[in-house]
Amino acid sequence: MASIQLTTSTFDETVGSSAVPVVVDFWAEWCGPCKMVAPILDEIADEHQGQMTIAKLNVDENPDIAMRYQVMSIPTMIVFSGGQPVHKVIGAKSKSALLAEFGSFLDDSH
């Protein structure tokens, strides 16, 4: 299961109704670092299926959500738990660095 695509109309329901933490990757088509981190996030999504959901939100197509969470630079990944933002990671990072950032949310998972 690769990441899921979010839009303004699906964001609140998808993130709010999830039983596991949701990592939302705020990205854009023109963003080089976003393209570098995308396959890493897909790997994490596959490896931690059932513990964490990875979702993507295109900031050019959904600027209102990006503004709501004060996303000023991309890629930005925000971890949501219970529908609330609980952790923010800014910039492209290696898989090991991302797993370290997300580790506490994986450990608390079901």
Protein backbone atom coordinates (compact mmCIF):
# COMPACT_ATOMS: atom_id res chain seq x y z
CA MET A 1 0.00 0.00 0.00
CA ALA A 2 1.60 3.20 -1.16
CA SER A 3 0.66 6.54 0.29
CA ILE A 4 -2.82 7.97 -0.17
CA GLN A 5 -3.57 11.29 -1.84
CA LEU A 6 -5.39 13.93 0.19
CA THR A 7 -7.36 16.95 -0.97
CA THR A 8 -9.08 19.75 0.87
CA SER A 9 -12.34 17.77 0.73
CA THR A 10 -10.87 14.51 2.06
CA PHE A 11 -8.27 15.84 4.52
CA ASP A 12 -10.29 16.25 7.73
CA GLU A 13 -12.19 12.99 7.43
CA THR A 14 -9.15 10.91 6.47
CA VAL A 15 -6.84 12.34 9.12
CA GLY A 16 -9.50 12.63 11.83
CA SER A 17 -10.93 9.14 11.43
CA SER A 18 -7.65 7.23 11.33
CA ALA A 19 -7.05 4.72 14.13
CA VAL A 20 -3.28 4.99 13.58
CA PRO A 21 -1.00 8.03 13.28
CA VAL A 22 -1.10 9.71 9.85
CA VAL A 23 2.01 11.30 8.38
CA VAL A 24 0.95 13.96 5.88
CA ASP A 25 3.63 14.80 3.33
CA PHE A 26 3.10 18.37 2.10
CA TRP A 27 4.69 18.50 -1.37
CA ALA A 28 4.52 20.05 -4.85
CA GLU A 29 5.27 18.77 -8.35
CA TRP A 30 8.12 21.26 -8.87
CA CYS A 31 9.89 20.45 -5.56
CA GLY A 32 13.09 18.45 -6.09
CA PRO A 33 13.59 17.46 -2.42
CA CYS A 34 9.93 16.34 -2.32
CA LYS A 35 10.63 13.92 -5.16
CA MET A 36 13.67 12.60 -3.29
CA VAL A 37 11.71 11.85 -0.11
CA ALA A 38 8.60 10.38 -1.82
CA PRO A 39 10.01 6.86 -2.45
CA ILE A 40 11.38 6.77 1.11
CA LEU A 41 7.93 7.56 2.50
CA ASP A 42 6.41 4.87 0.24
CA GLU A 43 8.88 2.33 1.70
CA ILE A 44 7.98 3.38 5.25
CA ALA A 45 4.26 3.11 4.38
CA ASP A 46 4.77 -0.46 3.11
CA GLU A 47 6.95 -1.55 6.03
CA HIS A 48 4.70 -0.09 8.73
CA GLN A 49 1.30 -0.83 7.24
CA GLY A 50 -1.27 -1.01 10.03
CA GLN A 51 0.94 1.04 12.38
CA MET A 52 1.02 4.30 10.44
CA THR A 53 -0.59 5.81 7.36
CA ILE A 54 1.39 7.94 4.93
CA ALA A 55 -0.67 10.51 3.04
CA LYS A 56 0.36 13.16 0.52
CA LEU A 57 -1.09 16.63 0.06
CA ASN A 58 -0.15 18.77 -2.96
CA VAL A 59 0.25 22.31 -1.60
CA ASP A 60 -0.31 23.92 -5.01
CA GLU A 61 -3.68 22.19 -5.40
CA ASN A 62 -4.71 22.52 -1.71
CA PRO A 63 -3.16 25.77 -0.39
CA ASP A 64 -5.80 26.22 2.31
CA ILE A 65 -4.68 23.09 4.19
CA ALA A 66 -1.02 24.13 3.90
CA MET A 67 -1.90 27.54 5.33
CA ARG A 68 -3.96 25.99 8.14
CA TYR A 69 -0.89 24.10 9.38
CA GLN A 70 1.55 26.93 8.62
CA VAL A 71 3.56 24.95 6.09
CA MET A 72 6.09 27.51 4.86
CA SER A 73 8.58 25.24 3.10
CA ILE A 74 8.35 21.83 1.51
CA PRO A 75 8.75 19.01 1.95
CA THR A 76 7.12 19.21 5.37
CA MET A 77 5.77 16.09 7.03
CA ILE A 78 3.30 16.48 9.89
CA VAL A 79 2.34 13.54 12.08
CA PHE A 80 -1.32 13.61 13.12
CA SER A 81 -2.61 11.51 16.00
CA GLY A 82 -6.31 11.59 16.86
CA GLY A 83 -6.75 14.18 14.12
CA GLN A 84 -4.35 16.62 15.80
CA PRO A 85 -0.86 17.63 14.61
CA VAL A 86 1.67 16.25 17.09
CA HIS A 87 5.02 16.40 15.28
CA LYS A 88 6.48 18.31 12.31
CA VAL A 89 9.50 17.37 10.18
CA ILE A 90 10.77 19.96 7.72
CA GLY A 91 13.02 19.13 4.77
CA ALA A 92 14.13 16.00 2.98
CA LYS A 93 15.76 13.46 5.26
CA SER A 94 17.17 9.95 4.91
CA LYS A 95 15.04 6.91 5.69
CA SER A 96 16.86 6.33 8.97
CA ALA A 97 16.36 9.97 9.99
CA LEU A 98 12.66 9.82 9.15
CA LEU A 99 12.22 6.55 11.05
CA ALA A 100 13.94 8.19 14.03
CA GLU A 101 11.50 11.13 13.77
CA PHE A 102 8.49 8.81 13.51
CA GLY A 103 9.76 6.13 15.90
CA SER A 104 7.86 7.19 19.00
CA PHE A 105 4.60 7.15 17.03
CA LEU A 106 5.34 3.67 15.68
CA ASP A 107 6.16 2.34 19.16
CA ASP A 108 2.84 3.62 20.51
CA SER A 109 0.87 2.00 17.70
CA HIS A 110 -1.39 -0.98 17.98
